[in-house]
Amino acid sequence: MPVPTMTLDLERTALVVIDPQIDFMSPKGAAWSAVGEAVTEKRLVPNLLRLFESSKRAGIVVAISPHYYYPHDHQWKFQAPAELFQHKIKIFDRPSALSLDGFRGSGADFMPEFKRYIEDGKTIVASPHKLYSPQTNDLAFQLRKQGVTKIVLAGMLANLCVESHLREFAEQGFEVAIVRDAVAAPKLPEGDGNLSALINFRYIANALWTTDEVVARLAKPTAR
């Protein structure tokens, strides 16, 4: 397959991090039994910290695409396998869409390591996506309003939310780089989500970079 040449125009680039939440990225989280091995192997949290730090230093747009479930979401009339699993373990649960009661420190909350970057008053926190893609939230709208055309994409789950965000962004005309060591997915009897995602990333993404490569590009004035 050809290898595209993607460069970063810092005025038009955003770091987008999907689901940087306790339920996915902490041993205390509801999904740790399914994702903990990959999160640990990838050094996901330290790598995301480096991405947050370098992005803030470079002055690019930073956006979060979170996942929340409210009581009414548990009343869906039909669900697919991953949905059934998520609702069963009560991942990302919040008691209300209209308040933060019970949010702080819950599985739906952001990882403590990331909060100084996410809660700095500058980071975009989009409305929640409900399954996997940004089709159900306002992320693309928010990025368009910031003049973003290039996206550096990281977070979880690699084979579900990350891939779905990648596909939607590609269809909407964004140029997307995946940070291959800043994404993670479950390893289950049905298969290795990391491997399946990496294969599709190679076909769809405009670039597959490591955290080191992204940090180096953001540090250069030309961002190449």
C-alpha atoms as a PDB file:
ATOM      1  CA  MET A   1       0.000   0.000   0.000  1.00  0.00           C
ATOM      2  CA  PRO A   2       1.242   3.543  -0.722  1.00  0.00           C
ATOM      3  CA  VAL A   3       2.404   5.645   2.238  1.00  0.00           C
ATOM      4  CA  PRO A   4       0.793   9.132   2.233  1.00  0.00           C
ATOM      5  CA  THR A   5       2.852  12.164   3.178  1.00  0.00           C
ATOM      6  CA  MET A   6       0.962  14.046   5.886  1.00  0.00           C
ATOM      7  CA  THR A   7       2.262  17.256   7.432  1.00  0.00           C
ATOM      8  CA  LEU A   8       0.858  19.320  10.286  1.00  0.00           C
ATOM      9  CA  ASP A   9      -0.209  22.933   9.905  1.00  0.00           C
ATOM     10  CA  LEU A  10      -0.377  23.872  13.568  1.00  0.00           C
ATOM     11  CA  GLU A  11      -3.068  26.507  12.991  1.00  0.00           C
ATOM     12  CA  ARG A  12      -5.340  23.851  11.475  1.00  0.00           C
ATOM     13  CA  THR A  13      -4.411  20.822  13.576  1.00  0.00           C
ATOM     14  CA  ALA A  14      -6.198  19.308  16.568  1.00  0.00           C
ATOM     15  CA  LEU A  15      -5.357  16.553  18.994  1.00  0.00           C
ATOM     16  CA  VAL A  16      -8.531  14.506  19.548  1.00  0.00           C
ATOM     17  CA  VAL A  17      -8.529  12.076  22.479  1.00  0.00           C
ATOM     18  CA  ILE A  18     -11.383   9.582  22.746  1.00  0.00           C
ATOM     19  CA  ASP A  19     -12.681   8.359  26.119  1.00  0.00           C
ATOM     20  CA  PRO A  20      -9.756   9.353  28.396  1.00  0.00           C
ATOM     21  CA  GLN A  21     -11.806   8.103  31.328  1.00  0.00           C
ATOM     22  CA  ILE A  22     -11.242   6.040  34.453  1.00  0.00           C
ATOM     23  CA  ASP A  23     -13.447   3.141  33.339  1.00  0.00           C
ATOM     24  CA  PHE A  24     -11.138   2.495  30.362  1.00  0.00           C
ATOM     25  CA  MET A  25      -7.681   3.578  31.509  1.00  0.00           C
ATOM     26  CA  SER A  26      -7.425   2.812  35.221  1.00  0.00           C
ATOM     27  CA  PRO A  27      -7.135  -0.503  37.107  1.00  0.00           C
ATOM     28  CA  LYS A  28     -10.102   0.835  39.089  1.00  0.00           C
ATOM     29  CA  GLY A  29     -12.207   1.078  35.942  1.00  0.00           C
ATOM     30  CA  ALA A  30     -15.148  -1.139  35.045  1.00  0.00           C
ATOM     31  CA  ALA A  31     -13.584  -2.382  31.782  1.00  0.00           C
ATOM     32  CA  TRP A  32     -10.068  -3.061  33.090  1.00  0.00           C
ATOM     33  CA  SER A  33     -10.419  -6.841  32.861  1.00  0.00           C
ATOM     34  CA  ALA A  34     -10.962  -6.518  29.099  1.00  0.00           C
ATOM     35  CA  VAL A  35      -8.590  -3.677  28.260  1.00  0.00           C
ATOM     36  CA  GLY A  36      -5.991  -3.547  31.011  1.00  0.00           C
ATOM     37  CA  GLU A  37      -3.459  -5.745  29.229  1.00  0.00           C
ATOM     38  CA  ALA A  38      -3.372  -3.519  26.156  1.00  0.00           C
ATOM     39  CA  VAL A  39      -3.439  -0.262  28.140  1.00  0.00           C
ATOM     40  CA  THR A  40      -0.409  -1.457  30.085  1.00  0.00           C
ATOM     41  CA  GLU A  41       1.500  -2.851  27.090  1.00  0.00           C
ATOM     42  CA  LYS A  42       1.031   0.335  25.075  1.00  0.00           C
ATOM     43  CA  ARG A  43       1.962   2.568  28.008  1.00  0.00           C
ATOM     44  CA  LEU A  44      -1.201   4.361  26.996  1.00  0.00           C
ATOM     45  CA  VAL A  45      -1.554   6.795  29.892  1.00  0.00           C
ATOM     46  CA  PRO A  46       2.101   8.011  29.795  1.00  0.00           C
ATOM     47  CA  ASN A  47       1.910   8.368  26.013  1.00  0.00           C
ATOM     48  CA  LEU A  48      -1.318  10.351  26.194  1.00  0.00           C
ATOM     49  CA  LEU A  49       0.258  12.604  28.805  1.00  0.00           C
ATOM     50  CA  ARG A  50       3.076  13.357  26.375  1.00  0.00           C
ATOM     51  CA  LEU A  51       0.571  14.104  23.629  1.00  0.00           C
ATOM     52  CA  PHE A  52      -1.398  16.459  25.878  1.00  0.00           C
ATOM     53  CA  GLU A  53       1.778  18.231  26.998  1.00  0.00           C
ATOM     54  CA  SER A  54       3.254  18.655  23.526  1.00  0.00           C
ATOM     55  CA  SER A  55      -0.083  19.750  22.028  1.00  0.00           C
ATOM     56  CA  LYS A  56      -0.622  22.411  24.673  1.00  0.00           C
ATOM     57  CA  ARG A  57       2.956  23.588  24.235  1.00  0.00           C
ATOM     58  CA  ALA A  58       2.472  23.842  20.464  1.00  0.00           C
ATOM     59  CA  GLY A  59      -0.784  25.757  20.943  1.00  0.00           C
ATOM     60  CA  ILE A  60      -2.940  23.481  18.810  1.00  0.00           C
ATOM     61  CA  VAL A  61      -6.609  22.745  19.429  1.00  0.00           C
ATOM     62  CA  VAL A  62      -7.201  19.905  21.902  1.00  0.00           C
ATOM     63  CA  ALA A  63     -10.567  18.147  21.964  1.00  0.00           C
ATOM     64  CA  ILE A  64     -12.079  15.317  23.985  1.00  0.00           C
ATOM     65  CA  SER A  65     -14.768  12.968  22.694  1.00  0.00           C
ATOM     66  CA  PRO A  66     -16.204  11.420  25.882  1.00  0.00           C
ATOM     67  CA  HIS A  67     -18.618   8.548  26.421  1.00  0.00           C
ATOM     68  CA  TYR A  68     -21.398   8.857  29.002  1.00  0.00           C
ATOM     69  CA  TYR A  69     -24.490   6.778  29.717  1.00  0.00           C
ATOM     70  CA  TYR A  70     -27.481   8.296  31.501  1.00  0.00           C
ATOM     71  CA  PRO A  71     -30.444   6.387  32.992  1.00  0.00           C
ATOM     72  CA  HIS A  72     -32.511   6.782  29.816  1.00  0.00           C
ATOM     73  CA  ASP A  73     -29.747   5.099  27.777  1.00  0.00           C
ATOM     74  CA  HIS A  74     -30.306   1.894  29.733  1.00  0.00           C
ATOM     75  CA  GLN A  75     -33.844   1.741  28.361  1.00  0.00           C
ATOM     76  CA  TRP A  76     -32.790   1.057  24.755  1.00  0.00           C
ATOM     77  CA  LYS A  77     -35.013  -1.580  23.141  1.00  0.00           C
ATOM     78  CA  PHE A  78     -32.196  -3.386  21.299  1.00  0.00           C
ATOM     79  CA  GLN A  79     -28.418  -3.555  21.586  1.00  0.00           C
ATOM     80  CA  ALA A  80     -25.386  -5.127  19.915  1.00  0.00           C
ATOM     81  CA  PRO A  81     -22.766  -7.254  21.767  1.00  0.00           C
ATOM     82  CA  ALA A  82     -20.460  -4.417  22.850  1.00  0.00           C
ATOM     83  CA  GLU A  83     -23.438  -2.351  23.960  1.00  0.00           C
ATOM     84  CA  LEU A  84     -24.763  -5.228  26.052  1.00  0.00           C
ATOM     85  CA  PHE A  85     -21.349  -5.585  27.686  1.00  0.00           C
ATOM     86  CA  GLN A  86     -21.054  -1.865  28.412  1.00  0.00           C
ATOM     87  CA  HIS A  87     -24.516  -1.595  29.922  1.00  0.00           C
ATOM     88  CA  LYS A  88     -23.987  -4.756  31.968  1.00  0.00           C
ATOM     89  CA  ILE A  89     -20.821  -3.444  33.655  1.00  0.00           C
ATOM     90  CA  LYS A  90     -22.313   0.075  33.933  1.00  0.00           C
ATOM     91  CA  ILE A  91     -19.365   1.703  32.232  1.00  0.00           C
ATOM     92  CA  PHE A  92     -19.363   5.523  31.986  1.00  0.00           C
ATOM     93  CA  ASP A  93     -22.593   5.729  33.988  1.00  0.00           C
ATOM     94  CA  ARG A  94     -23.812   9.110  35.206  1.00  0.00           C
ATOM     95  CA  PRO A  95     -27.008   9.589  37.216  1.00  0.00           C
ATOM     96  CA  SER A  96     -28.107  12.666  35.285  1.00  0.00           C
ATOM     97  CA  ALA A  97     -27.478  14.527  32.067  1.00  0.00           C
ATOM     98  CA  LEU A  98     -28.238  17.794  33.845  1.00  0.00           C
ATOM     99  CA  SER A  99     -25.824  17.726  36.789  1.00  0.00           C
ATOM    100  CA  LEU A 100     -22.385  16.564  37.875  1.00  0.00           C
ATOM    101  CA  ASP A 101     -23.699  14.792  40.971  1.00  0.00           C
ATOM    102  CA  GLY A 102     -21.638  11.660  41.484  1.00  0.00           C
ATOM    103  CA  PHE A 103     -19.371  12.422  38.537  1.00  0.00           C
ATOM    104  CA  ARG A 104     -16.124  13.380  40.256  1.00  0.00           C
ATOM    105  CA  GLY A 105     -13.977  10.316  40.815  1.00  0.00           C
ATOM    106  CA  SER A 106     -16.488   7.980  39.168  1.00  0.00           C
ATOM    107  CA  GLY A 107     -15.623   5.692  36.267  1.00  0.00           C
ATOM    108  CA  ALA A 108     -17.080   8.271  33.875  1.00  0.00           C
ATOM    109  CA  ASP A 109     -14.669  10.939  35.119  1.00  0.00           C
ATOM    110  CA  PHE A 110     -11.431  11.781  33.336  1.00  0.00           C
ATOM    111  CA  MET A 111      -8.179  10.224  34.437  1.00  0.00           C
ATOM    112  CA  PRO A 112      -6.664  12.409  37.194  1.00  0.00           C
ATOM    113  CA  GLU A 113      -3.393  12.653  35.267  1.00  0.00           C
ATOM    114  CA  PHE A 114      -5.152  14.394  32.374  1.00  0.00           C
ATOM    115  CA  LYS A 115      -7.338  16.858  34.250  1.00  0.00           C
ATOM    116  CA  ARG A 116      -4.933  19.786  34.266  1.00  0.00           C
ATOM    117  CA  TYR A 117      -5.016  19.696  30.458  1.00  0.00           C
ATOM    118  CA  ILE A 118      -8.698  18.889  29.968  1.00  0.00           C
ATOM    119  CA  GLU A 119      -9.978  21.350  32.583  1.00  0.00           C
ATOM    120  CA  ASP A 120      -7.800  24.316  31.594  1.00  0.00           C
ATOM    121  CA  GLY A 121     -10.720  26.247  30.094  1.00  0.00           C
ATOM    122  CA  LYS A 122      -9.351  25.886  26.565  1.00  0.00           C
ATOM    123  CA  THR A 123      -9.892  22.231  25.751  1.00  0.00           C
ATOM    124  CA  ILE A 124     -13.037  21.325  23.817  1.00  0.00           C
ATOM    125  CA  VAL A 125     -15.111  18.699  25.621  1.00  0.00           C
ATOM    126  CA  ALA A 126     -17.653  17.546  23.070  1.00  0.00           C
ATOM    127  CA  SER A 127     -21.065  16.196  23.900  1.00  0.00           C
ATOM    128  CA  PRO A 128     -20.945  12.414  24.487  1.00  0.00           C
ATOM    129  CA  HIS A 129     -20.894   9.886  21.686  1.00  0.00           C
ATOM    130  CA  LYS A 130     -23.295   7.056  22.443  1.00  0.00           C
ATOM    131  CA  LEU A 131     -21.867   4.139  20.498  1.00  0.00           C
ATOM    132  CA  TYR A 132     -18.572   4.532  18.665  1.00  0.00           C
ATOM    133  CA  SER A 133     -18.480   7.420  16.201  1.00  0.00           C
ATOM    134  CA  PRO A 134     -18.763  11.230  16.433  1.00  0.00           C
ATOM    135  CA  GLN A 135     -21.960  11.058  14.378  1.00  0.00           C
ATOM    136  CA  THR A 136     -23.915  11.304  17.642  1.00  0.00           C
ATOM    137  CA  ASN A 137     -22.002  14.219  19.172  1.00  0.00           C
ATOM    138  CA  ASP A 138     -20.924  17.736  18.211  1.00  0.00           C
ATOM    139  CA  LEU A 139     -17.189  17.057  17.826  1.00  0.00           C
ATOM    140  CA  ALA A 140     -16.925  17.620  14.060  1.00  0.00           C
ATOM    141  CA  PHE A 141     -18.917  20.851  14.383  1.00  0.00           C
ATOM    142  CA  GLN A 142     -16.615  22.112  17.143  1.00  0.00           C
ATOM    143  CA  LEU A 143     -13.510  21.296  15.105  1.00  0.00           C
ATOM    144  CA  ARG A 144     -14.903  23.008  12.008  1.00  0.00           C
ATOM    145  CA  LYS A 145     -15.598  26.121  14.075  1.00  0.00           C
ATOM    146  CA  GLN A 146     -11.902  26.179  15.036  1.00  0.00           C
ATOM    147  CA  GLY A 147     -10.796  25.886  11.402  1.00  0.00           C
ATOM    148  CA  VAL A 148      -9.356  22.411  11.947  1.00  0.00           C
ATOM    149  CA  THR A 149      -8.621  20.293   8.873  1.00  0.00           C
ATOM    150  CA  LYS A 150      -6.002  17.894  10.292  1.00  0.00           C
ATOM    151  CA  ILE A 151      -6.542  15.585  13.260  1.00  0.00           C
ATOM    152  CA  VAL A 152      -4.118  13.639  15.438  1.00  0.00           C
ATOM    153  CA  LEU A 153      -6.288  10.862  16.869  1.00  0.00           C
ATOM    154  CA  ALA A 154      -5.701   8.832  20.038  1.00  0.00           C
ATOM    155  CA  GLY A 155      -7.601   7.086  22.836  1.00  0.00           C
ATOM    156  CA  MET A 156      -9.911   4.067  23.100  1.00  0.00           C
ATOM    157  CA  LEU A 157     -11.164   1.629  22.006  1.00  0.00           C
ATOM    158  CA  ALA A 158      -8.878   1.224  19.000  1.00  0.00           C
ATOM    159  CA  ASN A 159     -11.112  -1.155  17.044  1.00  0.00           C
ATOM    160  CA  LEU A 160     -14.406   0.531  17.925  1.00  0.00           C
ATOM    161  CA  CYS A 161     -14.486   4.221  18.872  1.00  0.00           C
ATOM    162  CA  VAL A 162     -11.105   5.173  17.398  1.00  0.00           C
ATOM    163  CA  GLU A 163     -11.736   3.397  14.120  1.00  0.00           C
ATOM    164  CA  SER A 164     -15.280   4.787  13.930  1.00  0.00           C
ATOM    165  CA  HIS A 165     -14.020   8.329  14.567  1.00  0.00           C
ATOM    166  CA  LEU A 166     -11.362   7.815  11.898  1.00  0.00           C
ATOM    167  CA  ARG A 167     -13.908   6.641   9.340  1.00  0.00           C
ATOM    168  CA  GLU A 168     -16.307   9.507  10.032  1.00  0.00           C
ATOM    169  CA  PHE A 169     -13.568  12.131   9.935  1.00  0.00           C
ATOM    170  CA  ALA A 170     -12.236  10.711   6.662  1.00  0.00           C
ATOM    171  CA  GLU A 171     -15.722  10.816   5.128  1.00  0.00           C
ATOM    172  CA  GLN A 172     -16.059  14.451   6.220  1.00  0.00           C
ATOM    173  CA  GLY A 173     -12.820  15.455   4.521  1.00  0.00           C
ATOM    174  CA  PHE A 174     -10.447  15.712   7.489  1.00  0.00           C
ATOM    175  CA  GLU A 175      -6.860  14.480   7.235  1.00  0.00           C
ATOM    176  CA  VAL A 176      -6.232  12.051  10.101  1.00  0.00           C
ATOM    177  CA  ALA A 177      -3.111  10.647  11.741  1.00  0.00           C
ATOM    178  CA  ILE A 178      -3.484   7.787  14.225  1.00  0.00           C
ATOM    179  CA  VAL A 179      -1.033   7.597  17.125  1.00  0.00           C
ATOM    180  CA  ARG A 180      -0.415   3.861  17.071  1.00  0.00           C
ATOM    181  CA  ASP A 181       0.981   3.563  20.607  1.00  0.00           C
ATOM    182  CA  ALA A 182      -1.657   5.864  22.120  1.00  0.00           C
ATOM    183  CA  VAL A 183      -4.640   3.648  21.302  1.00  0.00           C
ATOM    184  CA  ALA A 184      -5.672   0.359  22.914  1.00  0.00           C
ATOM    185  CA  ALA A 185      -8.363  -2.289  22.564  1.00  0.00           C
ATOM    186  CA  PRO A 186      -9.585  -5.485  24.236  1.00  0.00           C
ATOM    187  CA  LYS A 187      -7.894  -8.824  23.761  1.00  0.00           C
ATOM    188  CA  LEU A 188     -10.727 -11.351  23.886  1.00  0.00           C
ATOM    189  CA  PRO A 189     -11.412 -14.899  22.645  1.00  0.00           C
ATOM    190  CA  GLU A 190     -13.113 -13.323  19.627  1.00  0.00           C
ATOM    191  CA  GLY A 191      -9.805 -11.713  18.633  1.00  0.00           C
ATOM    192  CA  ASP A 192      -7.207  -9.026  19.308  1.00  0.00           C
ATOM    193  CA  GLY A 193      -8.877  -5.650  18.831  1.00  0.00           C
ATOM    194  CA  ASN A 194      -5.497  -3.920  18.594  1.00  0.00           C
ATOM    195  CA  LEU A 195      -4.411  -6.023  15.631  1.00  0.00           C
ATOM    196  CA  SER A 196      -7.695  -5.680  13.765  1.00  0.00           C
ATOM    197  CA  ALA A 197      -7.638  -1.916  14.256  1.00  0.00           C
ATOM    198  CA  LEU A 198      -4.033  -1.546  13.114  1.00  0.00           C
ATOM    199  CA  ILE A 199      -4.793  -3.374   9.872  1.00  0.00           C
ATOM    200  CA  ASN A 200      -7.683  -1.039   9.074  1.00  0.00           C
ATOM    201  CA  PHE A 201      -5.748   2.046  10.184  1.00  0.00           C
ATOM    202  CA  ARG A 202      -3.145   1.219   7.542  1.00  0.00           C
ATOM    203  CA  TYR A 203      -5.832   1.288   4.853  1.00  0.00           C
ATOM    204  CA  ILE A 204      -7.750   4.367   6.037  1.00  0.00           C
ATOM    205  CA  ALA A 205      -5.541   6.798   7.995  1.00  0.00           C
ATOM    206  CA  ASN A 206      -3.408   9.452   6.329  1.00  0.00           C
ATOM    207  CA  ALA A 207      -0.601   8.639   8.751  1.00  0.00           C
ATOM    208  CA  LEU A 208       0.328   6.102  11.419  1.00  0.00           C
ATOM    209  CA  TRP A 209       2.730   7.756  13.833  1.00  0.00           C
ATOM    210  CA  THR A 210       4.191   6.901  17.210  1.00  0.00           C
ATOM    211  CA  THR A 211       3.972   9.262  20.159  1.00  0.00           C
ATOM    212  CA  ASP A 212       7.644  10.118  19.643  1.00  0.00           C
ATOM    213  CA  GLU A 213       6.961  11.092  16.045  1.00  0.00           C
ATOM    214  CA  VAL A 214       3.973  13.293  16.951  1.00  0.00           C
ATOM    215  CA  VAL A 215       5.917  15.055  19.710  1.00  0.00           C
ATOM    216  CA  ALA A 216       8.783  15.716  17.298  1.00  0.00           C
ATOM    217  CA  ARG A 217       6.451  17.097  14.616  1.00  0.00           C
ATOM    218  CA  LEU A 218       4.678  19.383  17.075  1.00  0.00           C
ATOM    219  CA  ALA A 219       8.022  20.760  18.274  1.00  0.00           C
ATOM    220  CA  LYS A 220       9.093  21.865  14.811  1.00  0.00           C
ATOM    221  CA  PRO A 221       7.888  25.170  13.331  1.00  0.00           C
ATOM    222  CA  THR A 222       7.130  23.429  10.035  1.00  0.00           C
ATOM    223  CA  ALA A 223       5.476  20.502  11.884  1.00  0.00           C
ATOM    224  CA  ARG A 224       6.613  18.050   9.197  1.00  0.00           C
END
